[in-house]
C-alpha atoms as a PDB file:
ATOM      1  CA  MET A   1       8.367   1.504 -10.648  1.00  0.00           C
ATOM      2  CA  LYS A   2       5.698   4.131 -10.042  1.00  0.00           C
ATOM      3  CA  SER A   3       5.653   5.922  -6.719  1.00  0.00           C
ATOM      4  CA  ILE A   4       3.332   8.307  -4.917  1.00  0.00           C
ATOM      5  CA  SER A   5       4.075  10.634  -2.011  1.00  0.00           C
ATOM      6  CA  VAL A   6       2.350  10.370   1.365  1.00  0.00           C
ATOM      7  CA  GLU A   7       1.064  13.905   0.785  1.00  0.00           C
ATOM      8  CA  GLU A   8      -0.575  12.878  -2.500  1.00  0.00           C
ATOM      9  CA  VAL A   9      -2.199   9.854  -0.852  1.00  0.00           C
ATOM     10  CA  GLN A  10      -3.463  11.999   2.017  1.00  0.00           C
ATOM     11  CA  GLN A  11      -4.871  14.643  -0.364  1.00  0.00           C
ATOM     12  CA  LEU A  12      -6.635  11.986  -2.439  1.00  0.00           C
ATOM     13  CA  LEU A  13      -8.194  10.418   0.670  1.00  0.00           C
ATOM     14  CA  GLU A  14      -9.259  13.830   2.035  1.00  0.00           C
ATOM     15  CA  SER A  15     -10.895  14.660  -1.300  1.00  0.00           C
ATOM     16  CA  GLY A  16     -13.006  11.516  -0.966  1.00  0.00           C
ATOM     17  CA  LYS A  17     -11.252   9.491  -3.665  1.00  0.00           C
ATOM     18  CA  GLU A  18     -11.536   5.759  -3.107  1.00  0.00           C
ATOM     19  CA  LEU A  19      -8.025   4.297  -3.026  1.00  0.00           C
ATOM     20  CA  ASN A  20      -6.953   0.667  -2.997  1.00  0.00           C
ATOM     21  CA  LEU A  21      -4.268   0.680  -0.317  1.00  0.00           C
ATOM     22  CA  ILE A  22      -2.420  -2.511   0.554  1.00  0.00           C
ATOM     23  CA  ASP A  23      -0.297  -2.484   3.715  1.00  0.00           C
ATOM     24  CA  VAL A  24       2.390  -5.173   3.441  1.00  0.00           C
ATOM     25  CA  ARG A  25       3.622  -4.898   7.038  1.00  0.00           C
ATOM     26  CA  GLU A  26       3.326  -7.811   9.427  1.00  0.00           C
ATOM     27  CA  VAL A  27       0.149  -8.143  11.514  1.00  0.00           C
ATOM     28  CA  ASP A  28       1.872  -6.984  14.731  1.00  0.00           C
ATOM     29  CA  GLU A  29       3.131  -3.823  12.966  1.00  0.00           C
ATOM     30  CA  VAL A  30      -0.340  -3.040  11.615  1.00  0.00           C
ATOM     31  CA  ALA A  31      -1.757  -3.321  15.145  1.00  0.00           C
ATOM     32  CA  ALA A  32       0.073  -0.047  15.935  1.00  0.00           C
ATOM     33  CA  GLY A  33      -1.978   1.749  13.259  1.00  0.00           C
ATOM     34  CA  ILE A  34      -3.090   1.405   9.667  1.00  0.00           C
ATOM     35  CA  ILE A  35      -4.408   3.939   7.165  1.00  0.00           C
ATOM     36  CA  PRO A  36      -8.225   3.719   7.157  1.00  0.00           C
ATOM     37  CA  THR A  37      -9.530   1.613   4.224  1.00  0.00           C
ATOM     38  CA  ALA A  38      -6.142  -0.109   3.735  1.00  0.00           C
ATOM     39  CA  ILE A  39      -6.100  -3.878   3.705  1.00  0.00           C
ATOM     40  CA  ASN A  40      -3.266  -5.834   5.264  1.00  0.00           C
ATOM     41  CA  ILE A  41      -1.517  -8.461   3.157  1.00  0.00           C
ATOM     42  CA  PRO A  42       1.917  -9.159   4.674  1.00  0.00           C
ATOM     43  CA  LEU A  43       4.713  -9.120   2.082  1.00  0.00           C
ATOM     44  CA  GLY A  44       5.350 -12.847   2.482  1.00  0.00           C
ATOM     45  CA  LEU A  45       1.742 -13.593   1.487  1.00  0.00           C
ATOM     46  CA  ILE A  46       1.457 -11.287  -1.557  1.00  0.00           C
ATOM     47  CA  GLU A  47       2.301 -14.069  -4.008  1.00  0.00           C
ATOM     48  CA  PHE A  48      -0.363 -16.347  -2.504  1.00  0.00           C
ATOM     49  CA  ARG A  49      -3.090 -13.702  -2.156  1.00  0.00           C
ATOM     50  CA  MET A  50      -2.646 -11.756  -5.410  1.00  0.00           C
ATOM     51  CA  ASN A  51      -5.611 -13.723  -6.786  1.00  0.00           C
ATOM     52  CA  GLU A  52      -7.740 -11.520  -4.464  1.00  0.00           C
ATOM     53  CA  LEU A  53      -6.631  -8.431  -6.416  1.00  0.00           C
ATOM     54  CA  ASP A  54      -8.192  -7.038  -9.600  1.00  0.00           C
ATOM     55  CA  LYS A  55      -5.821  -6.183 -12.465  1.00  0.00           C
ATOM     56  CA  SER A  56      -8.244  -3.486 -13.669  1.00  0.00           C
ATOM     57  CA  LYS A  57      -7.739  -1.485 -10.438  1.00  0.00           C
ATOM     58  CA  GLU A  58      -4.803   0.618  -9.280  1.00  0.00           C
ATOM     59  CA  TYR A  59      -3.168  -0.307  -5.972  1.00  0.00           C
ATOM     60  CA  ILE A  60      -0.959   1.721  -3.658  1.00  0.00           C
ATOM     61  CA  MET A  61       1.488  -0.334  -1.624  1.00  0.00           C
ATOM     62  CA  VAL A  62       2.403   0.753   1.926  1.00  0.00           C
ATOM     63  CA  CYS A  63       4.887  -0.472   4.537  1.00  0.00           C
ATOM     64  CA  ARG A  64       6.908   1.014   7.406  1.00  0.00           C
ATOM     65  CA  SER A  65       9.464   2.958   5.345  1.00  0.00           C
ATOM     66  CA  GLY A  66       8.865   2.103   1.667  1.00  0.00           C
ATOM     67  CA  GLY A  67      11.308  -0.783   1.190  1.00  0.00           C
ATOM     68  CA  ARG A  68       9.032  -3.809   1.511  1.00  0.00           C
ATOM     69  CA  SER A  69       6.228  -2.047  -0.319  1.00  0.00           C
ATOM     70  CA  GLY A  70       8.741  -1.313  -3.086  1.00  0.00           C
ATOM     71  CA  ASN A  71       9.455  -5.035  -3.355  1.00  0.00           C
ATOM     72  CA  ALA A  72       5.724  -5.777  -3.442  1.00  0.00           C
ATOM     73  CA  THR A  73       5.204  -3.063  -6.073  1.00  0.00           C
ATOM     74  CA  MET A  74       7.884  -4.532  -8.353  1.00  0.00           C
ATOM     75  CA  PHE A  75       6.553  -8.073  -7.886  1.00  0.00           C
ATOM     76  CA  LEU A  76       2.936  -7.137  -8.651  1.00  0.00           C
ATOM     77  CA  GLU A  77       4.007  -4.918 -11.551  1.00  0.00           C
ATOM     78  CA  ASN A  78       5.775  -7.942 -13.057  1.00  0.00           C
ATOM     79  CA  GLN A  79       2.517  -9.890 -12.673  1.00  0.00           C
ATOM     80  CA  GLY A  80       0.621  -7.285 -14.713  1.00  0.00           C
ATOM     81  CA  PHE A  81      -0.900  -5.201 -11.915  1.00  0.00           C
ATOM     82  CA  ASN A  82      -1.160  -1.398 -11.901  1.00  0.00           C
ATOM     83  CA  VAL A  83       0.665  -0.487  -8.669  1.00  0.00           C
ATOM     84  CA  ALA A  84       2.513   2.407  -7.059  1.00  0.00           C
ATOM     85  CA  ASN A  85       4.739   2.512  -3.995  1.00  0.00           C
ATOM     86  CA  MET A  86       3.972   5.063  -1.259  1.00  0.00           C
ATOM     87  CA  ASP A  87       7.307   6.815  -0.660  1.00  0.00           C
ATOM     88  CA  GLY A  88       8.397   7.017   2.964  1.00  0.00           C
ATOM     89  CA  GLY A  89       5.802   4.553   4.225  1.00  0.00           C
ATOM     90  CA  MET A  90       4.094   4.877   7.575  1.00  0.00           C
ATOM     91  CA  LEU A  91       7.121   6.644   9.044  1.00  0.00           C
ATOM     92  CA  ALA A  92       6.276   9.606   6.791  1.00  0.00           C
ATOM     93  CA  TRP A  93       2.495   9.314   7.203  1.00  0.00           C
ATOM     94  CA  ALA A  94       0.970  12.201   9.169  1.00  0.00           C
ATOM     95  CA  GLY A  95      -2.643  11.382   8.391  1.00  0.00           C
ATOM     96  CA  GLU A  96      -5.291   9.456  10.241  1.00  0.00           C
ATOM     97  CA  VAL A  97      -4.713   5.865  11.380  1.00  0.00           C
ATOM     98  CA  GLU A  98      -7.020   3.309  12.913  1.00  0.00           C
END
């Protein structure tokens, strides 16, 4: 399973790179703050909403601490998607949230 650090994600966003971030936390968790441009697909819905994703793009999975996003990363990887897990999740995130 590929992973990416919160620092790398933050640097890429600050450099203007367009990232495909998917936050797999529950809706009430996301209400406390989400990385700008991230879309919320709760972990339990990934299987049913993966048809909204494009296998030609790379996705970075995010959750509170990295566990659920790790599960989502492994699942999507097994489905043929190019995905990476953001290590440490939102607990480690020091960047902007909305």
